Each structure stands twice: as structure tokens, then as C-alpha cells.
């Protein structure tokens, strides 16, 4: 074991439709890509943000996937720092978060529309990620593409690596743990509201206040209008099933470089879950870093420090940036 992206927002016209839901339990990577290619055109496209390099060709392209309750903009500081290193980044909103999320309206029509927008769609988000990877590959045909996800995004990144191996060169999974502190309390709240399975309840006390002890960061997160911190009992159960699916898929990663990270001060996700996933990977090229200074968030909302940033940068350079030839 070794221990070692000016930005602009846009909506991309994806090459493939987003209407087909992937079956995570039985799909192979080939079947998943066939479903992606055969999907019908969807009327809406997933929101993207990009941080392209100022000039020339990027050394590496990152696809960033955010954690629960956050959105693509949470990677802004990290992506801009990578941009200075000639590494381009793209970030996508998971369905139900960020620009997918709409505030509830007063009219019945608007409320119904908002409800549909607020709903979480994990399998459909995996299709979005696959479509984004195809687009990135078309834009950067000869550049290594690495997916980096944090928390829930780490689970998405890991599952996408299994489903789209031909589109990815590597994986960085930050806090992909499927085990959480205080899970019994959260589930008790779910059970109490199970008679209204679609009613949203505030997850901020269980999420934000466990993710960080920094009161200023807590307030910033809670006040962010794009941060969806409410969830229904029905979607909570779907989330748990989705996260647990990571356990089943991790052993299928056998030939991709993988970097996993977990903060030692994390009070939300258990280190044991990340370590278990790391040990189940069959790839020989895998690194696990326990970040002593980090809480739950390591890269989002500017929570990385120079040391942590350089760990990832060094890993990327080691795997995907050939050293300059001596003249």
C-alpha cells in the first residue's frame, strides 16, 4: 500500500439519451454502455460546469461528482487549483441536487414540477455520467480521463468505473464509505415518517453538523440555495440501497489505478467502510490515504489543504503525465 479546473457554467447537449434506467444488480459494463447508446433522447440535459485549461491540451481531464446535499459548484476551488496545473475539470449535478433542484412553489402545477425535480434518481444519474464521459472523450480524444467523487459522489465514481471501463483511465474516490455514524437515528426518523413516504424532511442535523464542526462552513452550506438537504423516507431507502451496491461492484475493478482517501476526523462516514472497499478492489495499482487534517469533506467547499491537493496531483502525474524527455 502506498501513501503518497476561467470557469464557466453550461448545459451540454449530450450525445445519448437519458431515459433508460440502468439495472445495477445485473448489468455488465458492456450491457450498460449498450443501454446508454440505445437510450432515447431526453427533453432535459444534466447541468454541467467546466474549468478548461487556459491554452493548449490538458494533461488530464477530471470528471467531478459531488456528495449528498451539495452540487457541482462545491468543487470550484479545487478545480481552479487543478486548472493551474494544466488539468481540466468538468462537474455534473446528480439528479435531485444543484440545478436539478427547484424550490417548492405555491401553485399545484409548480409544486408538482418541483417535486419531480427534487426527486433523487441514482440510476439515471449514472446514465448522465456515462453520457458526460462520452462527451469528454469526444472533446479530449487522446487525454487520460479520471473520475473523482466525494462521499455519495465517491460511490457514483466507483460504480461508474465498473460500468464504463472503456471511458475511464482511473478513479479517485474520496470517502466512498458505505458505513455511517448515527445511521440508526436517521433511520428512526425515516420510520417515523414512513406513512408519508414522499414527504421531505430536513437532513441537515444528521448531515451538515456531522460533516463539519466549523460553524461558518455549516451556515454557508445550509444557506446555499443549490444545496438540497431534504429527503423523503422513500428516497432515503433508495440512497441506502445505492450506497450498499458499491460493496458488490468494488471487487470488479481489477485493472484501473485507484486512489482512495478518508479523513481521520470524519464524524459522518466510518473509516472502516472505506478500508473495506479498498481491500475488496482487485486492482494491484491502488493507494489509500488517511488524511489527518480532514473531516468528512476533503475536496469540496475548499476544504483541501496544500498537502492533500499535492497528494492527488502527484498521483495524477505519476500515472498519466509522462516525464519530459531529455534533449
C-alpha atoms as a PDB file:
ATOM      1  CA  UNK A   1       0.000   0.000   0.000  1.00  0.00           C
ATOM      2  CA  UNK A   2       1.424   3.366  -0.975  1.00  0.00           C
ATOM      3  CA  UNK A   3       0.573   6.674   0.643  1.00  0.00           C
ATOM      4  CA  UNK A   4       1.646   9.118  -1.299  1.00  0.00           C
ATOM      5  CA  UNK A   5     -10.103  23.111 -13.206  1.00  0.00           C
ATOM      6  CA  UNK A   6     -11.625  30.978 -16.134  1.00  0.00           C
ATOM      7  CA  UNK A   7     -14.546  28.605 -15.246  1.00  0.00           C
ATOM      8  CA  UNK A   8     -17.930  28.807 -16.904  1.00  0.00           C
ATOM      9  CA  UNK A   9     -21.253  27.042 -16.462  1.00  0.00           C
ATOM     10  CA  UNK A  10     -23.055  25.457 -19.342  1.00  0.00           C
ATOM     11  CA  UNK A  11     -25.579  22.817 -20.281  1.00  0.00           C
ATOM     12  CA  UNK A  12     -24.158  20.364 -22.741  1.00  0.00           C
ATOM     13  CA  UNK A  13     -26.209  18.699 -25.454  1.00  0.00           C
ATOM     14  CA  UNK A  14     -25.310  15.119 -24.664  1.00  0.00           C
ATOM     15  CA  UNK A  15     -24.772  12.589 -27.406  1.00  0.00           C
ATOM     16  CA  UNK A  16     -27.026   9.966 -25.930  1.00  0.00           C
ATOM     17  CA  UNK A  17     -30.424   9.988 -24.266  1.00  0.00           C
ATOM     18  CA  UNK A  18     -31.052   9.749 -20.597  1.00  0.00           C
ATOM     19  CA  UNK A  19     -34.401   7.989 -20.406  1.00  0.00           C
ATOM     20  CA  UNK A  20     -33.224   4.422 -19.788  1.00  0.00           C
ATOM     21  CA  UNK A  21     -32.627   3.398 -16.177  1.00  0.00           C
ATOM     22  CA  UNK A  22     -29.654   1.106 -15.661  1.00  0.00           C
ATOM     23  CA  UNK A  23     -30.030  -2.108 -13.704  1.00  0.00           C
ATOM     24  CA  UNK A  24     -27.113  -2.054 -11.262  1.00  0.00           C
ATOM     25  CA  UNK A  25     -27.665  -5.536  -9.911  1.00  0.00           C
ATOM     26  CA  UNK A  26     -27.108  -7.476 -13.127  1.00  0.00           C
ATOM     27  CA  UNK A  27     -25.648  -5.129 -15.769  1.00  0.00           C
ATOM     28  CA  UNK A  28     -22.127  -5.699 -17.021  1.00  0.00           C
ATOM     29  CA  UNK A  29     -20.133  -2.732 -18.310  1.00  0.00           C
ATOM     30  CA  UNK A  30     -20.867  -3.792 -21.895  1.00  0.00           C
ATOM     31  CA  UNK A  31     -24.593  -4.050 -21.242  1.00  0.00           C
ATOM     32  CA  UNK A  32     -24.567  -0.672 -19.509  1.00  0.00           C
ATOM     33  CA  UNK A  33     -22.932   1.003 -22.492  1.00  0.00           C
ATOM     34  CA  UNK A  34     -25.395  -0.688 -24.859  1.00  0.00           C
ATOM     35  CA  UNK A  35     -28.292   0.712 -22.829  1.00  0.00           C
ATOM     36  CA  UNK A  36     -26.640   4.125 -22.884  1.00  0.00           C
ATOM     37  CA  UNK A  37     -26.221   4.011 -26.653  1.00  0.00           C
ATOM     38  CA  UNK A  38     -29.769   2.806 -27.232  1.00  0.00           C
ATOM     39  CA  UNK A  39     -31.443   5.340 -24.937  1.00  0.00           C
ATOM     40  CA  UNK A  40     -33.981   7.733 -26.426  1.00  0.00           C
ATOM     41  CA  UNK A  41     -33.321  11.457 -26.369  1.00  0.00           C
ATOM     42  CA  UNK A  42     -34.445  13.034 -23.108  1.00  0.00           C
ATOM     43  CA  UNK A  43     -36.026  16.501 -23.162  1.00  0.00           C
ATOM     44  CA  UNK A  44     -33.708  17.860 -20.459  1.00  0.00           C
ATOM     45  CA  UNK A  45     -29.920  17.733 -20.187  1.00  0.00           C
ATOM     46  CA  UNK A  46     -27.893  17.490 -16.966  1.00  0.00           C
ATOM     47  CA  UNK A  47     -26.315  20.721 -15.713  1.00  0.00           C
ATOM     48  CA  UNK A  48     -22.537  20.927 -16.093  1.00  0.00           C
ATOM     49  CA  UNK A  49     -19.769  23.232 -15.007  1.00  0.00           C
ATOM     50  CA  UNK A  50     -16.344  23.199 -16.639  1.00  0.00           C
ATOM     51  CA  UNK A  51     -12.922  24.557 -15.787  1.00  0.00           C
ATOM     52  CA  UNK A  52     -10.927  24.336 -19.007  1.00  0.00           C
ATOM     53  CA  UNK A  53      -7.223  24.993 -19.311  1.00  0.00           C
ATOM     54  CA  UNK A  54      -6.205  28.467 -20.491  1.00  0.00           C
ATOM     55  CA  UNK A  55      -4.366  27.207 -23.549  1.00  0.00           C
ATOM     56  CA  UNK A  56      -3.090  24.037 -25.129  1.00  0.00           C
ATOM     57  CA  UNK A  57      -4.094  20.486 -24.332  1.00  0.00           C
ATOM     58  CA  UNK A  58      -4.846  19.405 -20.767  1.00  0.00           C
ATOM     59  CA  UNK A  59      -2.594  16.802 -19.215  1.00  0.00           C
ATOM     60  CA  UNK A  60      -5.547  15.071 -17.592  1.00  0.00           C
ATOM     61  CA  UNK A  61      -9.317  15.619 -17.570  1.00  0.00           C
ATOM     62  CA  UNK A  62     -11.278  15.108 -14.353  1.00  0.00           C
ATOM     63  CA  UNK A  63     -14.990  14.398 -14.093  1.00  0.00           C
ATOM     64  CA  UNK A  64     -16.088  15.504 -10.600  1.00  0.00           C
ATOM     65  CA  UNK A  65     -19.117  14.091  -8.785  1.00  0.00           C
ATOM     66  CA  UNK A  66     -20.354  15.837  -5.633  1.00  0.00           C
ATOM     67  CA  UNK A  67     -21.567  14.497  -2.300  1.00  0.00           C
ATOM     68  CA  UNK A  68     -25.081  14.294  -0.881  1.00  0.00           C
ATOM     69  CA  UNK A  69     -26.597  17.717  -0.195  1.00  0.00           C
ATOM     70  CA  UNK A  70     -24.070  19.545  -2.375  1.00  0.00           C
ATOM     71  CA  UNK A  71     -23.753  20.346  -6.094  1.00  0.00           C
ATOM     72  CA  UNK A  72     -21.233  20.719  -8.899  1.00  0.00           C
ATOM     73  CA  UNK A  73     -20.135  24.166  -7.701  1.00  0.00           C
ATOM     74  CA  UNK A  74     -18.754  22.667  -4.497  1.00  0.00           C
ATOM     75  CA  UNK A  75     -15.610  21.733  -6.447  1.00  0.00           C
ATOM     76  CA  UNK A  76     -14.901  25.283  -7.642  1.00  0.00           C
ATOM     77  CA  UNK A  77     -11.781  25.937  -5.528  1.00  0.00           C
ATOM     78  CA  UNK A  78     -10.335  22.506  -6.156  1.00  0.00           C
ATOM     79  CA  UNK A  79     -10.974  22.628  -9.915  1.00  0.00           C
ATOM     80  CA  UNK A  80      -9.453  26.112 -10.258  1.00  0.00           C
ATOM     81  CA  UNK A  81      -6.350  24.902  -8.475  1.00  0.00           C
ATOM     82  CA  UNK A  82      -6.128  21.914 -10.842  1.00  0.00           C
ATOM     83  CA  UNK A  83      -6.634  24.291 -13.755  1.00  0.00           C
ATOM     84  CA  UNK A  84      -3.347  25.984 -12.850  1.00  0.00           C
ATOM     85  CA  UNK A  85      -1.661  22.608 -13.213  1.00  0.00           C
ATOM     86  CA  UNK A  86      -2.955  22.219 -16.821  1.00  0.00           C
ATOM     87  CA  UNK A  87      -5.619  19.766 -15.642  1.00  0.00           C
ATOM     88  CA  UNK A  88      -9.163  20.392 -16.900  1.00  0.00           C
ATOM     89  CA  UNK A  89     -12.288  19.530 -14.905  1.00  0.00           C
ATOM     90  CA  UNK A  90     -15.970  19.000 -15.575  1.00  0.00           C
ATOM     91  CA  UNK A  91     -18.590  18.571 -12.875  1.00  0.00           C
ATOM     92  CA  UNK A  92     -22.150  17.314 -13.130  1.00  0.00           C
ATOM     93  CA  UNK A  93     -25.129  17.688 -10.782  1.00  0.00           C
ATOM     94  CA  UNK A  94     -26.563  14.409  -9.537  1.00  0.00           C
ATOM     95  CA  UNK A  95     -30.308  14.358 -10.222  1.00  0.00           C
ATOM     96  CA  UNK A  96     -32.166  15.892  -7.301  1.00  0.00           C
ATOM     97  CA  UNK A  97     -29.343  18.318  -6.419  1.00  0.00           C
ATOM     98  CA  UNK A  98     -27.939  21.606  -7.646  1.00  0.00           C
ATOM     99  CA  UNK A  99     -29.629  22.948 -10.765  1.00  0.00           C
ATOM    100  CA  UNK A 100     -31.953  19.937 -10.814  1.00  0.00           C
ATOM    101  CA  UNK A 101     -33.400  21.157  -7.519  1.00  0.00           C
ATOM    102  CA  UNK A 102     -36.243  23.691  -7.602  1.00  0.00           C
ATOM    103  CA  UNK A 103     -37.870  25.384  -4.643  1.00  0.00           C
ATOM    104  CA  UNK A 104     -41.415  24.299  -3.945  1.00  0.00           C
ATOM    105  CA  UNK A 105     -43.975  26.662  -5.429  1.00  0.00           C
ATOM    106  CA  UNK A 106     -47.436  27.591  -4.263  1.00  0.00           C
ATOM    107  CA  UNK A 107     -49.355  26.513  -7.331  1.00  0.00           C
ATOM    108  CA  UNK A 108     -50.265  22.884  -7.813  1.00  0.00           C
ATOM    109  CA  UNK A 109     -48.566  22.825 -11.208  1.00  0.00           C
ATOM    110  CA  UNK A 110     -45.345  24.328  -9.929  1.00  0.00           C
ATOM    111  CA  UNK A 111     -45.340  22.126  -6.848  1.00  0.00           C
ATOM    112  CA  UNK A 112     -45.688  19.012  -8.978  1.00  0.00           C
ATOM    113  CA  UNK A 113     -42.863  20.149 -11.209  1.00  0.00           C
ATOM    114  CA  UNK A 114     -40.704  20.951  -8.192  1.00  0.00           C
ATOM    115  CA  UNK A 115     -41.466  17.579  -6.626  1.00  0.00           C
ATOM    116  CA  UNK A 116     -40.304  15.766  -9.749  1.00  0.00           C
ATOM    117  CA  UNK A 117     -37.149  17.916  -9.893  1.00  0.00           C
ATOM    118  CA  UNK A 118     -36.370  17.293  -6.232  1.00  0.00           C
ATOM    119  CA  UNK A 119     -36.594  13.530  -6.557  1.00  0.00           C
ATOM    120  CA  UNK A 120     -33.328  11.645  -6.461  1.00  0.00           C
ATOM    121  CA  UNK A 121     -32.526   9.422  -9.443  1.00  0.00           C
ATOM    122  CA  UNK A 122     -29.411   7.370  -8.816  1.00  0.00           C
ATOM    123  CA  UNK A 123     -29.514   5.035 -11.816  1.00  0.00           C
ATOM    124  CA  UNK A 124     -30.429   7.892 -14.146  1.00  0.00           C
ATOM    125  CA  UNK A 125     -27.526   9.906 -12.762  1.00  0.00           C
ATOM    126  CA  UNK A 126     -25.211   7.041 -13.705  1.00  0.00           C
ATOM    127  CA  UNK A 127     -26.533   7.344 -17.258  1.00  0.00           C
ATOM    128  CA  UNK A 128     -25.787  11.079 -17.087  1.00  0.00           C
ATOM    129  CA  UNK A 129     -22.231  10.303 -16.001  1.00  0.00           C
ATOM    130  CA  UNK A 130     -21.813   7.859 -18.872  1.00  0.00           C
ATOM    131  CA  UNK A 131     -23.069  10.456 -21.345  1.00  0.00           C
ATOM    132  CA  UNK A 132     -20.712  13.043 -19.878  1.00  0.00           C
ATOM    133  CA  UNK A 133     -17.771  10.677 -20.254  1.00  0.00           C
ATOM    134  CA  UNK A 134     -18.610  10.049 -23.899  1.00  0.00           C
ATOM    135  CA  UNK A 135     -18.772  13.808 -24.496  1.00  0.00           C
ATOM    136  CA  UNK A 136     -15.453  14.351 -22.689  1.00  0.00           C
ATOM    137  CA  UNK A 137     -13.834  11.609 -24.737  1.00  0.00           C
ATOM    138  CA  UNK A 138     -15.036  13.267 -27.936  1.00  0.00           C
ATOM    139  CA  UNK A 139     -13.679  16.658 -26.810  1.00  0.00           C
ATOM    140  CA  UNK A 140     -10.383  15.245 -25.492  1.00  0.00           C
ATOM    141  CA  UNK A 141      -9.757  12.044 -27.505  1.00  0.00           C
ATOM    142  CA  UNK A 142      -6.136  11.496 -26.504  1.00  0.00           C
ATOM    143  CA  UNK A 143      -6.216  12.772 -22.916  1.00  0.00           C
ATOM    144  CA  UNK A 144      -6.484  10.498 -19.849  1.00  0.00           C
ATOM    145  CA  UNK A 145      -9.860  10.815 -18.113  1.00  0.00           C
ATOM    146  CA  UNK A 146     -10.154  10.246 -14.373  1.00  0.00           C
ATOM    147  CA  UNK A 147     -13.358  10.336 -12.356  1.00  0.00           C
ATOM    148  CA  UNK A 148     -13.184  11.869  -8.874  1.00  0.00           C
ATOM    149  CA  UNK A 149     -16.093  11.679  -6.475  1.00  0.00           C
ATOM    150  CA  UNK A 150     -16.581  12.544  -2.823  1.00  0.00           C
ATOM    151  CA  UNK A 151     -18.862  10.802  -0.320  1.00  0.00           C
ATOM    152  CA  UNK A 152     -22.008   9.911  -2.319  1.00  0.00           C
ATOM    153  CA  UNK A 153     -20.004  11.078  -5.340  1.00  0.00           C
ATOM    154  CA  UNK A 154     -17.316   8.557  -4.409  1.00  0.00           C
ATOM    155  CA  UNK A 155     -19.901   5.795  -4.672  1.00  0.00           C
ATOM    156  CA  UNK A 156     -21.013   7.159  -8.064  1.00  0.00           C
ATOM    157  CA  UNK A 157     -17.400   7.340  -9.231  1.00  0.00           C
ATOM    158  CA  UNK A 158     -16.671   3.772  -8.176  1.00  0.00           C
ATOM    159  CA  UNK A 159     -19.813   2.378  -9.785  1.00  0.00           C
ATOM    160  CA  UNK A 160     -19.173   4.375 -12.984  1.00  0.00           C
ATOM    161  CA  UNK A 161     -15.654   2.912 -13.170  1.00  0.00           C
ATOM    162  CA  UNK A 162     -17.184  -0.560 -13.234  1.00  0.00           C
ATOM    163  CA  UNK A 163     -19.896   0.362 -15.728  1.00  0.00           C
ATOM    164  CA  UNK A 164     -17.790   2.423 -18.165  1.00  0.00           C
ATOM    165  CA  UNK A 165     -14.256   0.944 -18.045  1.00  0.00           C
ATOM    166  CA  UNK A 166     -13.502   1.850 -21.667  1.00  0.00           C
ATOM    167  CA  UNK A 167     -14.218   5.529 -20.976  1.00  0.00           C
ATOM    168  CA  UNK A 168     -12.067   5.920 -17.855  1.00  0.00           C
ATOM    169  CA  UNK A 169      -8.376   5.702 -17.089  1.00  0.00           C
ATOM    170  CA  UNK A 170      -8.598   5.898 -13.323  1.00  0.00           C
ATOM    171  CA  UNK A 171     -10.583   6.547 -10.162  1.00  0.00           C
ATOM    172  CA  UNK A 172     -10.176   8.854  -7.181  1.00  0.00           C
ATOM    173  CA  UNK A 173     -12.733   8.018  -4.504  1.00  0.00           C
ATOM    174  CA  UNK A 174     -12.867  10.352  -1.520  1.00  0.00           C
ATOM    175  CA  UNK A 175     -14.795   8.968   1.457  1.00  0.00           C
ATOM    176  CA  UNK A 176     -16.727   6.302  -0.507  1.00  0.00           C
ATOM    177  CA  UNK A 177     -17.606   4.554   2.774  1.00  0.00           C
ATOM    178  CA  UNK A 178     -20.974   2.809   2.931  1.00  0.00           C
ATOM    179  CA  UNK A 179     -20.972   2.870   6.750  1.00  0.00           C
ATOM    180  CA  UNK A 180     -22.170   5.963   8.637  1.00  0.00           C
ATOM    181  CA  UNK A 181     -22.214   7.205  12.209  1.00  0.00           C
ATOM    182  CA  UNK A 182     -25.682   7.931  13.601  1.00  0.00           C
ATOM    183  CA  UNK A 183     -27.362   5.822  10.924  1.00  0.00           C
ATOM    184  CA  UNK A 184     -29.818   4.319  13.413  1.00  0.00           C
ATOM    185  CA  UNK A 185     -31.049   7.791  14.395  1.00  0.00           C
ATOM    186  CA  UNK A 186     -31.545   8.783  10.759  1.00  0.00           C
ATOM    187  CA  UNK A 187     -33.435   5.575  10.046  1.00  0.00           C
ATOM    188  CA  UNK A 188     -35.615   6.112  13.115  1.00  0.00           C
ATOM    189  CA  UNK A 189     -36.628   9.458  11.649  1.00  0.00           C
ATOM    190  CA  UNK A 190     -37.363   7.737   8.345  1.00  0.00           C
ATOM    191  CA  UNK A 191     -39.548   5.134  10.033  1.00  0.00           C
ATOM    192  CA  UNK A 192     -41.463   7.795  11.939  1.00  0.00           C
ATOM    193  CA  UNK A 193     -42.435   9.379   8.626  1.00  0.00           C
ATOM    194  CA  UNK A 194     -42.921   6.149   6.687  1.00  0.00           C
ATOM    195  CA  UNK A 195     -46.682   6.740   6.479  1.00  0.00           C
ATOM    196  CA  UNK A 196     -45.847   9.704   4.222  1.00  0.00           C
ATOM    197  CA  UNK A 197     -43.077   8.155   2.079  1.00  0.00           C
ATOM    198  CA  UNK A 198     -42.798  11.110  -0.306  1.00  0.00           C
ATOM    199  CA  UNK A 199     -42.792  13.858   2.319  1.00  0.00           C
ATOM    200  CA  UNK A 200     -39.453  15.671   2.551  1.00  0.00           C
ATOM    201  CA  UNK A 201     -37.690  16.078   5.878  1.00  0.00           C
ATOM    202  CA  UNK A 202     -34.607  18.109   6.798  1.00  0.00           C
ATOM    203  CA  UNK A 203     -31.404  16.077   6.910  1.00  0.00           C
ATOM    204  CA  UNK A 204     -29.154  18.984   7.915  1.00  0.00           C
ATOM    205  CA  UNK A 205     -28.687  17.935  11.579  1.00  0.00           C
ATOM    206  CA  UNK A 206     -27.630  14.438  10.579  1.00  0.00           C
ATOM    207  CA  UNK A 207     -25.540  15.557   7.606  1.00  0.00           C
ATOM    208  CA  UNK A 208     -24.092  19.057   7.819  1.00  0.00           C
ATOM    209  CA  UNK A 209     -23.485  19.121  11.567  1.00  0.00           C
ATOM    210  CA  UNK A 210     -21.732  15.761  11.427  1.00  0.00           C
ATOM    211  CA  UNK A 211     -19.764  16.599   8.289  1.00  0.00           C
ATOM    212  CA  UNK A 212     -18.013  19.547   9.955  1.00  0.00           C
ATOM    213  CA  UNK A 213     -17.667  21.287  13.324  1.00  0.00           C
ATOM    214  CA  UNK A 214     -16.890  24.571  11.554  1.00  0.00           C
ATOM    215  CA  UNK A 215     -19.950  26.748  12.283  1.00  0.00           C
ATOM    216  CA  UNK A 216     -19.161  29.142   9.437  1.00  0.00           C
ATOM    217  CA  UNK A 217     -18.965  26.264   6.973  1.00  0.00           C
ATOM    218  CA  UNK A 218     -22.196  24.811   8.379  1.00  0.00           C
ATOM    219  CA  UNK A 219     -24.018  28.119   7.858  1.00  0.00           C
ATOM    220  CA  UNK A 220     -22.632  28.527   4.332  1.00  0.00           C
ATOM    221  CA  UNK A 221     -23.756  25.037   3.418  1.00  0.00           C
ATOM    222  CA  UNK A 222     -27.231  25.373   4.934  1.00  0.00           C
ATOM    223  CA  UNK A 223     -27.844  28.727   3.235  1.00  0.00           C
ATOM    224  CA  UNK A 224     -26.720  27.543  -0.201  1.00  0.00           C
ATOM    225  CA  UNK A 225     -29.897  27.558  -2.333  1.00  0.00           C
ATOM    226  CA  UNK A 226     -28.475  24.838  -4.579  1.00  0.00           C
ATOM    227  CA  UNK A 227     -27.741  22.510  -1.660  1.00  0.00           C
ATOM    228  CA  UNK A 228     -30.670  20.110  -1.352  1.00  0.00           C
ATOM    229  CA  UNK A 229     -30.699  18.948   2.280  1.00  0.00           C
ATOM    230  CA  UNK A 230     -34.216  17.483   2.398  1.00  0.00           C
ATOM    231  CA  UNK A 231     -35.080  13.900   1.588  1.00  0.00           C
ATOM    232  CA  UNK A 232     -38.145  11.678   1.697  1.00  0.00           C
ATOM    233  CA  UNK A 233     -38.212   8.320   3.528  1.00  0.00           C
ATOM    234  CA  UNK A 234     -38.663   6.621   0.157  1.00  0.00           C
ATOM    235  CA  UNK A 235     -35.585   8.281  -1.309  1.00  0.00           C
ATOM    236  CA  UNK A 236     -33.607   7.679   1.875  1.00  0.00           C
ATOM    237  CA  UNK A 237     -34.098   3.943   1.459  1.00  0.00           C
ATOM    238  CA  UNK A 238     -33.146   4.192  -2.224  1.00  0.00           C
ATOM    239  CA  UNK A 239     -29.991   6.044  -1.199  1.00  0.00           C
ATOM    240  CA  UNK A 240     -29.016   3.321   1.247  1.00  0.00           C
ATOM    241  CA  UNK A 241     -29.533   0.611  -1.372  1.00  0.00           C
ATOM    242  CA  UNK A 242     -27.473   2.604  -3.880  1.00  0.00           C
ATOM    243  CA  UNK A 243     -24.586   3.085  -1.453  1.00  0.00           C
ATOM    244  CA  UNK A 244     -24.604  -0.586  -0.489  1.00  0.00           C
ATOM    245  CA  UNK A 245     -24.363  -1.527  -4.187  1.00  0.00           C
ATOM    246  CA  UNK A 246     -20.815  -0.140  -4.084  1.00  0.00           C
ATOM    247  CA  UNK A 247     -19.794  -3.115  -1.939  1.00  0.00           C
ATOM    248  CA  UNK A 248     -20.867  -5.543  -4.649  1.00  0.00           C
ATOM    249  CA  UNK A 249     -19.203  -3.666  -7.501  1.00  0.00           C
ATOM    250  CA  UNK A 250     -15.840  -2.734  -5.952  1.00  0.00           C
ATOM    251  CA  UNK A 251     -14.251  -6.181  -6.495  1.00  0.00           C
ATOM    252  CA  UNK A 252     -14.915  -5.827 -10.232  1.00  0.00           C
ATOM    253  CA  UNK A 253     -12.271  -3.087 -10.501  1.00  0.00           C
ATOM    254  CA  UNK A 254      -9.283  -5.178 -11.496  1.00  0.00           C
ATOM    255  CA  UNK A 255      -7.120  -3.114 -13.858  1.00  0.00           C
ATOM    256  CA  UNK A 256      -7.637   0.591 -13.121  1.00  0.00           C
ATOM    257  CA  UNK A 257      -5.432   2.765 -10.906  1.00  0.00           C
ATOM    258  CA  UNK A 258      -7.395   3.771  -7.809  1.00  0.00           C
ATOM    259  CA  UNK A 259      -6.699   6.382  -5.147  1.00  0.00           C
ATOM    260  CA  UNK A 260      -8.935   6.383  -2.055  1.00  0.00           C
ATOM    261  CA  UNK A 261      -8.933   8.967   0.729  1.00  0.00           C
ATOM    262  CA  UNK A 262     -10.668   9.323   4.085  1.00  0.00           C
ATOM    263  CA  UNK A 263     -10.368  11.986   6.772  1.00  0.00           C
ATOM    264  CA  UNK A 264      -9.368  10.789  10.233  1.00  0.00           C
ATOM    265  CA  UNK A 265     -11.604  13.478  11.807  1.00  0.00           C
ATOM    266  CA  UNK A 266     -14.673  12.321   9.863  1.00  0.00           C
ATOM    267  CA  UNK A 267     -17.726  12.121  12.168  1.00  0.00           C
ATOM    268  CA  UNK A 268     -20.185  11.210   9.397  1.00  0.00           C
ATOM    269  CA  UNK A 269     -18.723   8.245   7.481  1.00  0.00           C
ATOM    270  CA  UNK A 270     -16.763   5.453   9.103  1.00  0.00           C
ATOM    271  CA  UNK A 271     -13.179   4.771   8.071  1.00  0.00           C
ATOM    272  CA  UNK A 272     -13.882   1.037   8.264  1.00  0.00           C
ATOM    273  CA  UNK A 273     -16.275   1.303   5.301  1.00  0.00           C
ATOM    274  CA  UNK A 274     -13.650   2.930   3.077  1.00  0.00           C
ATOM    275  CA  UNK A 275     -10.984   0.457   4.177  1.00  0.00           C
ATOM    276  CA  UNK A 276     -13.325  -2.452   3.435  1.00  0.00           C
ATOM    277  CA  UNK A 277     -13.977  -1.127  -0.085  1.00  0.00           C
ATOM    278  CA  UNK A 278     -10.258  -0.553  -0.632  1.00  0.00           C
ATOM    279  CA  UNK A 279      -9.367  -4.096   0.411  1.00  0.00           C
ATOM    280  CA  UNK A 280     -12.034  -5.557  -1.895  1.00  0.00           C
ATOM    281  CA  UNK A 281     -10.541  -3.911  -5.012  1.00  0.00           C
ATOM    282  CA  UNK A 282      -8.777  -6.493  -7.163  1.00  0.00           C
ATOM    283  CA  UNK A 283      -6.540  -3.984  -8.921  1.00  0.00           C
ATOM    284  CA  UNK A 284      -2.925  -4.097  -7.815  1.00  0.00           C
ATOM    285  CA  UNK A 285      -2.479  -0.385  -8.502  1.00  0.00           C
ATOM    286  CA  UNK A 286      -4.337   1.052  -5.527  1.00  0.00           C
ATOM    287  CA  UNK A 287      -3.444   3.600  -2.858  1.00  0.00           C
ATOM    288  CA  UNK A 288      -5.203   4.503   0.371  1.00  0.00           C
ATOM    289  CA  UNK A 289      -4.545   7.788   2.164  1.00  0.00           C
ATOM    290  CA  UNK A 290      -5.884   8.638   5.609  1.00  0.00           C
ATOM    291  CA  UNK A 291      -5.891  12.441   5.756  1.00  0.00           C
ATOM    292  CA  UNK A 292      -5.123  13.519   9.306  1.00  0.00           C
ATOM    293  CA  UNK A 293      -6.359  17.094   8.923  1.00  0.00           C
ATOM    294  CA  UNK A 294      -9.633  16.300   7.162  1.00  0.00           C
ATOM    295  CA  UNK A 295     -13.223  15.945   8.343  1.00  0.00           C
ATOM    296  CA  UNK A 296     -15.849  14.457   6.018  1.00  0.00           C
ATOM    297  CA  UNK A 297     -15.268  16.867   3.140  1.00  0.00           C
ATOM    298  CA  UNK A 298     -11.790  16.698   1.656  1.00  0.00           C
ATOM    299  CA  UNK A 299     -12.071  18.424  -1.750  1.00  0.00           C
ATOM    300  CA  UNK A 300     -15.471  20.150  -1.752  1.00  0.00           C
ATOM    301  CA  UNK A 301     -16.190  23.657  -0.434  1.00  0.00           C
ATOM    302  CA  UNK A 302     -12.470  24.422  -0.415  1.00  0.00           C
ATOM    303  CA  UNK A 303     -11.683  22.021   2.440  1.00  0.00           C
ATOM    304  CA  UNK A 304      -8.427  20.696   0.959  1.00  0.00           C
ATOM    305  CA  UNK A 305      -5.024  21.978   2.067  1.00  0.00           C
ATOM    306  CA  UNK A 306      -1.772  22.067   0.096  1.00  0.00           C
ATOM    307  CA  UNK A 307      -0.689  18.673   1.375  1.00  0.00           C
ATOM    308  CA  UNK A 308      -3.911  16.929   0.351  1.00  0.00           C
ATOM    309  CA  UNK A 309      -4.005  18.678  -3.024  1.00  0.00           C
ATOM    310  CA  UNK A 310      -0.426  17.634  -3.740  1.00  0.00           C
ATOM    311  CA  UNK A 311      -1.209  14.002  -2.888  1.00  0.00           C
ATOM    312  CA  UNK A 312      -3.800  13.920  -5.659  1.00  0.00           C
ATOM    313  CA  UNK A 313      -1.683  15.973  -8.065  1.00  0.00           C
ATOM    314  CA  UNK A 314       1.342  13.710  -7.539  1.00  0.00           C
ATOM    315  CA  UNK A 315      -0.794  10.625  -8.064  1.00  0.00           C
ATOM    316  CA  UNK A 316      -2.184  12.030 -11.321  1.00  0.00           C
ATOM    317  CA  UNK A 317       1.259  12.994 -12.589  1.00  0.00           C
ATOM    318  CA  UNK A 318       2.721   9.625 -11.647  1.00  0.00           C
ATOM    319  CA  UNK A 319       0.064   7.723 -13.553  1.00  0.00           C
ATOM    320  CA  UNK A 320      -0.815   9.960 -16.506  1.00  0.00           C
ATOM    321  CA  UNK A 321       1.876  12.574 -17.122  1.00  0.00           C
ATOM    322  CA  UNK A 322       4.934  11.238 -18.888  1.00  0.00           C
ATOM    323  CA  UNK A 323       8.165  12.921 -17.763  1.00  0.00           C
ATOM    324  CA  UNK A 324       9.707  15.289 -20.266  1.00  0.00           C
ATOM    325  CA  UNK A 325      12.364  13.681 -22.458  1.00  0.00           C
ATOM    326  CA  UNK A 326      15.913  14.960 -22.066  1.00  0.00           C
ATOM    327  CA  UNK A 327      17.044  16.982 -25.035  1.00  0.00           C
END
